[in-house]
Structures are given as C-alpha cells and as structure tokens.
Amino acid sequence: MFSNPRQPIILFVLSFAGMMLGLMLKVLHWPGGQLVTGSMIMVQIIAIVWLIIVVAKTKD
C-alpha cells in the first residue's frame, strides 16, 4: 500500500506549495503565517522520511 514512491513526492510538492503560502502570509504580516510554515516543514520532513523508507524497501 505504501510502496509507491509517487505518493510521498506528491505530498512533498503540495507541502512546498503550502509553505510558499505560509511565507507569503508571514511577509504580509497576516495571522497564521508561522503556523502554516511550521506545519508544512513538518509535513515535508514526514514526506522525506516516507520516501527514504519506500526507496530502502524497494532495494531489497
């Protein structure tokens, strides 16, 4: 189920777009910018770890 490397890559790209939104909110000094940016960085870390696990499992 989780052996497709396409899914974490899509998650990473979507979280990158969300992080750009959060950075825009921070630049404009709107509320929630830091929350969005921080949560998207955490999602990117999860996507990278997920991709590493998928690639490591497919090498076996």
PDB file of N, CA and C in Angstrom:
ATOM      1  N   MET A   1       0.818  -1.196   0.000  1.00  0.00           N
ATOM      2  CA  MET A   1       0.000   0.000   0.000  1.00  0.00           C
ATOM      3  C   MET A   1       0.864   1.262   0.000  1.00  0.00           C
ATOM      4  N   PHE A   2       1.908   1.282   0.835  1.00  0.00           N
ATOM      5  CA  PHE A   2       2.753   2.461   0.934  1.00  0.00           C
ATOM      6  C   PHE A   2       4.063   2.291   0.167  1.00  0.00           C
ATOM      7  N   SER A   3       4.096   1.401  -0.815  1.00  0.00           N
ATOM      8  CA  SER A   3       5.335   1.141  -1.525  1.00  0.00           C
ATOM      9  C   SER A   3       5.469   1.958  -2.808  1.00  0.00           C
ATOM     10  N   ASN A   4       4.530   2.835  -3.076  1.00  0.00           N
ATOM     11  CA  ASN A   4       4.584   3.661  -4.276  1.00  0.00           C
ATOM     12  C   ASN A   4       5.358   4.939  -3.971  1.00  0.00           C
ATOM     13  N   PRO A   5       6.502   5.178  -4.642  1.00  0.00           N
ATOM     14  CA  PRO A   5       7.276   6.393  -4.328  1.00  0.00           C
ATOM     15  C   PRO A   5       6.625   7.671  -4.851  1.00  0.00           C
ATOM     16  N   ARG A   6       5.584   7.548  -5.632  1.00  0.00           N
ATOM     17  CA  ARG A   6       4.913   8.732  -6.174  1.00  0.00           C
ATOM     18  C   ARG A   6       4.149   9.503  -5.097  1.00  0.00           C
ATOM     19  N   GLN A   7       3.578   8.798  -4.140  1.00  0.00           N
ATOM     20  CA  GLN A   7       2.764   9.436  -3.112  1.00  0.00           C
ATOM     21  C   GLN A   7       3.558  10.391  -2.217  1.00  0.00           C
ATOM     22  N   PRO A   8       4.733  10.005  -1.675  1.00  0.00           N
ATOM     23  CA  PRO A   8       5.463  10.982  -0.853  1.00  0.00           C
ATOM     24  C   PRO A   8       6.007  12.155  -1.666  1.00  0.00           C
ATOM     25  N   ILE A   9       6.286  11.933  -2.945  1.00  0.00           N
ATOM     26  CA  ILE A   9       6.754  13.039  -3.781  1.00  0.00           C
ATOM     27  C   ILE A   9       5.632  14.050  -3.985  1.00  0.00           C
ATOM     28  N   ILE A  10       4.426  13.568  -4.227  1.00  0.00           N
ATOM     29  CA  ILE A  10       3.276  14.458  -4.381  1.00  0.00           C
ATOM     30  C   ILE A  10       3.013  15.205  -3.077  1.00  0.00           C
ATOM     31  N   LEU A  11       3.124  14.509  -1.942  1.00  0.00           N
ATOM     32  CA  LEU A  11       2.939  15.149  -0.644  1.00  0.00           C
ATOM     33  C   LEU A  11       3.979  16.243  -0.419  1.00  0.00           C
ATOM     34  N   PHE A  12       5.225  15.981  -0.823  1.00  0.00           N
ATOM     35  CA  PHE A  12       6.285  16.972  -0.665  1.00  0.00           C
ATOM     36  C   PHE A  12       6.010  18.206  -1.515  1.00  0.00           C
ATOM     37  N   VAL A  13       5.580  18.008  -2.761  1.00  0.00           N
ATOM     38  CA  VAL A  13       5.309  19.145  -3.649  1.00  0.00           C
ATOM     39  C   VAL A  13       4.137  19.971  -3.128  1.00  0.00           C
ATOM     40  N   LEU A  14       3.096  19.309  -2.658  1.00  0.00           N
ATOM     41  CA  LEU A  14       1.949  20.041  -2.113  1.00  0.00           C
ATOM     42  C   LEU A  14       2.322  20.798  -0.836  1.00  0.00           C
ATOM     43  N   SER A  15       3.153  20.191   0.002  1.00  0.00           N
ATOM     44  CA  SER A  15       3.568  20.897   1.213  1.00  0.00           C
ATOM     45  C   SER A  15       4.502  22.057   0.876  1.00  0.00           C
ATOM     46  N   PHE A  16       5.262  21.941  -0.215  1.00  0.00           N
ATOM     47  CA  PHE A  16       6.097  23.064  -0.644  1.00  0.00           C
ATOM     48  C   PHE A  16       5.214  24.237  -1.076  1.00  0.00           C
ATOM     49  N   ALA A  17       4.123  23.940  -1.785  1.00  0.00           N
ATOM     50  CA  ALA A  17       3.188  25.000  -2.171  1.00  0.00           C
ATOM     51  C   ALA A  17       2.542  25.623  -0.928  1.00  0.00           C
ATOM     52  N   GLY A  18       2.209  24.794   0.055  1.00  0.00           N
ATOM     53  CA  GLY A  18       1.659  25.313   1.306  1.00  0.00           C
ATOM     54  C   GLY A  18       2.657  26.152   2.071  1.00  0.00           C
ATOM     55  N   MET A  19       3.931  25.760   2.011  1.00  0.00           N
ATOM     56  CA  MET A  19       4.950  26.549   2.683  1.00  0.00           C
ATOM     57  C   MET A  19       5.110  27.909   2.011  1.00  0.00           C
ATOM     58  N   MET A  20       5.001  27.957   0.697  1.00  0.00           N
ATOM     59  CA  MET A  20       5.055  29.244  -0.002  1.00  0.00           C
ATOM     60  C   MET A  20       3.893  30.132   0.423  1.00  0.00           C
ATOM     61  N   LEU A  21       2.726  29.536   0.625  1.00  0.00           N
ATOM     62  CA  LEU A  21       1.574  30.287   1.122  1.00  0.00           C
ATOM     63  C   LEU A  21       1.858  30.826   2.524  1.00  0.00           C
ATOM     64  N   GLY A  22       2.435  29.985   3.380  1.00  0.00           N
ATOM     65  CA  GLY A  22       2.774  30.430   4.727  1.00  0.00           C
ATOM     66  C   GLY A  22       3.803  31.543   4.731  1.00  0.00           C
ATOM     67  N   LEU A  23       4.794  31.455   3.844  1.00  0.00           N
ATOM     68  CA  LEU A  23       5.790  32.530   3.758  1.00  0.00           C
ATOM     69  C   LEU A  23       5.170  33.821   3.250  1.00  0.00           C
ATOM     70  N   MET A  24       4.216  33.700   2.336  1.00  0.00           N
ATOM     71  CA  MET A  24       3.520  34.895   1.867  1.00  0.00           C
ATOM     72  C   MET A  24       2.734  35.537   3.013  1.00  0.00           C
ATOM     73  N   LEU A  25       2.091  34.708   3.825  1.00  0.00           N
ATOM     74  CA  LEU A  25       1.353  35.236   4.974  1.00  0.00           C
ATOM     75  C   LEU A  25       2.292  35.916   5.963  1.00  0.00           C
ATOM     76  N   LYS A  26       3.494  35.351   6.146  1.00  0.00           N
ATOM     77  CA  LYS A  26       4.453  35.977   7.060  1.00  0.00           C
ATOM     78  C   LYS A  26       4.946  37.310   6.516  1.00  0.00           C
ATOM     79  N   VAL A  27       5.197  37.385   5.226  1.00  0.00           N
ATOM     80  CA  VAL A  27       5.678  38.634   4.640  1.00  0.00           C
ATOM     81  C   VAL A  27       4.617  39.716   4.737  1.00  0.00           C
ATOM     82  N   LEU A  28       3.363  39.333   4.544  1.00  0.00           N
ATOM     83  CA  LEU A  28       2.270  40.300   4.610  1.00  0.00           C
ATOM     84  C   LEU A  28       1.814  40.576   6.046  1.00  0.00           C
ATOM     85  N   HIS A  29       2.445  39.896   7.015  1.00  0.00           N
ATOM     86  CA  HIS A  29       2.124  40.060   8.440  1.00  0.00           C
ATOM     87  C   HIS A  29       0.666  39.715   8.744  1.00  0.00           C
ATOM     88  N   TRP A  30       0.142  38.709   8.075  1.00  0.00           N
ATOM     89  CA  TRP A  30      -1.198  38.221   8.365  1.00  0.00           C
ATOM     90  C   TRP A  30      -1.093  37.121   9.417  1.00  0.00           C
ATOM     91  N   PRO A  31      -2.151  36.915  10.180  1.00  0.00           N
ATOM     92  CA  PRO A  31      -2.078  35.876  11.218  1.00  0.00           C
ATOM     93  C   PRO A  31      -2.053  34.472  10.607  1.00  0.00           C
ATOM     94  N   GLY A  32      -1.350  33.593  11.274  1.00  0.00           N
ATOM     95  CA  GLY A  32      -1.302  32.202  10.846  1.00  0.00           C
ATOM     96  C   GLY A  32      -0.126  31.853   9.959  1.00  0.00           C
ATOM     97  N   GLY A  33       0.681  32.804   9.594  1.00  0.00           N
ATOM     98  CA  GLY A  33       1.802  32.536   8.701  1.00  0.00           C
ATOM     99  C   GLY A  33       2.825  31.598   9.303  1.00  0.00           C
ATOM    100  N   GLN A  34       3.166  31.827  10.564  1.00  0.00           N
ATOM    101  CA  GLN A  34       4.160  30.987  11.223  1.00  0.00           C
ATOM    102  C   GLN A  34       3.615  29.577  11.443  1.00  0.00           C
ATOM    103  N   LEU A  35       2.339  29.454  11.745  1.00  0.00           N
ATOM    104  CA  LEU A  35       1.723  28.147  11.947  1.00  0.00           C
ATOM    105  C   LEU A  35       1.728  27.341  10.651  1.00  0.00           C
ATOM    106  N   VAL A  36       1.353  27.978   9.550  1.00  0.00           N
ATOM    107  CA  VAL A  36       1.316  27.286   8.259  1.00  0.00           C
ATOM    108  C   VAL A  36       2.722  26.884   7.830  1.00  0.00           C
ATOM    109  N   THR A  37       3.678  27.791   7.978  1.00  0.00           N
ATOM    110  CA  THR A  37       5.053  27.494   7.582  1.00  0.00           C
ATOM    111  C   THR A  37       5.626  26.347   8.416  1.00  0.00           C
ATOM    112  N   GLY A  38       5.435  26.393   9.698  1.00  0.00           N
ATOM    113  CA  GLY A  38       5.947  25.341  10.573  1.00  0.00           C
ATOM    114  C   GLY A  38       5.322  23.989  10.312  1.00  0.00           C
ATOM    115  N   SER A  39       4.026  23.969  10.101  1.00  0.00           N
ATOM    116  CA  SER A  39       3.364  22.690   9.849  1.00  0.00           C
ATOM    117  C   SER A  39       3.764  22.115   8.490  1.00  0.00           C
ATOM    118  N   MET A  40       3.977  22.961   7.500  1.00  0.00           N
ATOM    119  CA  MET A  40       4.387  22.464   6.188  1.00  0.00           C
ATOM    120  C   MET A  40       5.818  21.932   6.213  1.00  0.00           C
ATOM    121  N   ILE A  41       6.676  22.517   7.039  1.00  0.00           N
ATOM    122  CA  ILE A  41       8.032  21.982   7.190  1.00  0.00           C
ATOM    123  C   ILE A  41       7.969  20.595   7.824  1.00  0.00           C
ATOM    124  N   MET A  42       7.086  20.423   8.807  1.00  0.00           N
ATOM    125  CA  MET A  42       6.930  19.105   9.417  1.00  0.00           C
ATOM    126  C   MET A  42       6.396  18.091   8.419  1.00  0.00           C
ATOM    127  N   VAL A  43       5.455  18.492   7.570  1.00  0.00           N
ATOM    128  CA  VAL A  43       4.919  17.595   6.549  1.00  0.00           C
ATOM    129  C   VAL A  43       6.012  17.228   5.545  1.00  0.00           C
ATOM    130  N   GLN A  44       6.882  18.176   5.209  1.00  0.00           N
ATOM    131  CA  GLN A  44       7.977  17.879   4.291  1.00  0.00           C
ATOM    132  C   GLN A  44       8.943  16.869   4.905  1.00  0.00           C
ATOM    133  N   ILE A  45       9.224  16.992   6.181  1.00  0.00           N
ATOM    134  CA  ILE A  45      10.097  16.025   6.854  1.00  0.00           C
ATOM    135  C   ILE A  45       9.473  14.641   6.827  1.00  0.00           C
ATOM    136  N   ILE A  46       8.171  14.559   7.087  1.00  0.00           N
ATOM    137  CA  ILE A  46       7.480  13.272   7.043  1.00  0.00           C
ATOM    138  C   ILE A  46       7.528  12.681   5.638  1.00  0.00           C
ATOM    139  N   ALA A  47       7.347  13.509   4.615  1.00  0.00           N
ATOM    140  CA  ALA A  47       7.383  13.025   3.240  1.00  0.00           C
ATOM    141  C   ALA A  47       8.771  12.518   2.873  1.00  0.00           C
ATOM    142  N   ILE A  48       9.817  13.202   3.317  1.00  0.00           N
ATOM    143  CA  ILE A  48      11.182  12.764   3.011  1.00  0.00           C
ATOM    144  C   ILE A  48      11.495  11.440   3.693  1.00  0.00           C
ATOM    145  N   VAL A  49      11.115  11.310   4.962  1.00  0.00           N
ATOM    146  CA  VAL A  49      11.345  10.056   5.677  1.00  0.00           C
ATOM    147  C   VAL A  49      10.557   8.928   5.018  1.00  0.00           C
ATOM    148  N   TRP A  50       9.329   9.195   4.635  1.00  0.00           N
ATOM    149  CA  TRP A  50       8.485   8.212   3.964  1.00  0.00           C
ATOM    150  C   TRP A  50       9.130   7.771   2.649  1.00  0.00           C
ATOM    151  N   LEU A  51       9.657   8.715   1.883  1.00  0.00           N
ATOM    152  CA  LEU A  51      10.305   8.385   0.619  1.00  0.00           C
ATOM    153  C   LEU A  51      11.565   7.555   0.849  1.00  0.00           C
ATOM    154  N   ILE A  52      12.335   7.876   1.874  1.00  0.00           N
ATOM    155  CA  ILE A  52      13.531   7.088   2.188  1.00  0.00           C
ATOM    156  C   ILE A  52      13.149   5.655   2.532  1.00  0.00           C
ATOM    157  N   ILE A  53      12.093   5.483   3.304  1.00  0.00           N
ATOM    158  CA  ILE A  53      11.638   4.142   3.673  1.00  0.00           C
ATOM    159  C   ILE A  53      11.180   3.373   2.443  1.00  0.00           C
ATOM    160  N   VAL A  54      10.441   4.024   1.561  1.00  0.00           N
ATOM    161  CA  VAL A  54       9.950   3.360   0.349  1.00  0.00           C
ATOM    162  C   VAL A  54      11.113   2.942  -0.535  1.00  0.00           C
ATOM    163  N   VAL A  55      12.081   3.832  -0.721  1.00  0.00           N
ATOM    164  CA  VAL A  55      13.234   3.505  -1.572  1.00  0.00           C
ATOM    165  C   VAL A  55      14.067   2.390  -0.937  1.00  0.00           C
ATOM    166  N   ALA A  56      14.234   2.404   0.379  1.00  0.00           N
ATOM    167  CA  ALA A  56      15.008   1.364   1.048  1.00  0.00           C
ATOM    168  C   ALA A  56      14.319   0.003   0.943  1.00  0.00           C
ATOM    169  N   LYS A  57      13.001  -0.015   0.994  1.00  0.00           N
ATOM    170  CA  LYS A  57      12.280  -1.287   0.882  1.00  0.00           C
ATOM    171  C   LYS A  57      12.326  -1.843  -0.537  1.00  0.00           C
ATOM    172  N   THR A  58      12.339  -0.975  -1.537  1.00  0.00           N
ATOM    173  CA  THR A  58      12.346  -1.471  -2.910  1.00  0.00           C
ATOM    174  C   THR A  58      13.728  -1.964  -3.328  1.00  0.00           C
ATOM    175  N   LYS A  59      14.784  -1.593  -2.617  1.00  0.00           N
ATOM    176  CA  LYS A  59      16.137  -2.058  -2.940  1.00  0.00           C
ATOM    177  C   LYS A  59      16.321  -3.515  -2.561  1.00  0.00           C
ATOM    178  N   ASP A  60      15.532  -4.040  -1.625  1.00  0.00           N
ATOM    179  CA  ASP A  60      15.689  -5.433  -1.171  1.00  0.00           C
ATOM    180  C   ASP A  60      15.223  -6.433  -2.180  1.00  0.00           C
TER     181      ASP A  60
END
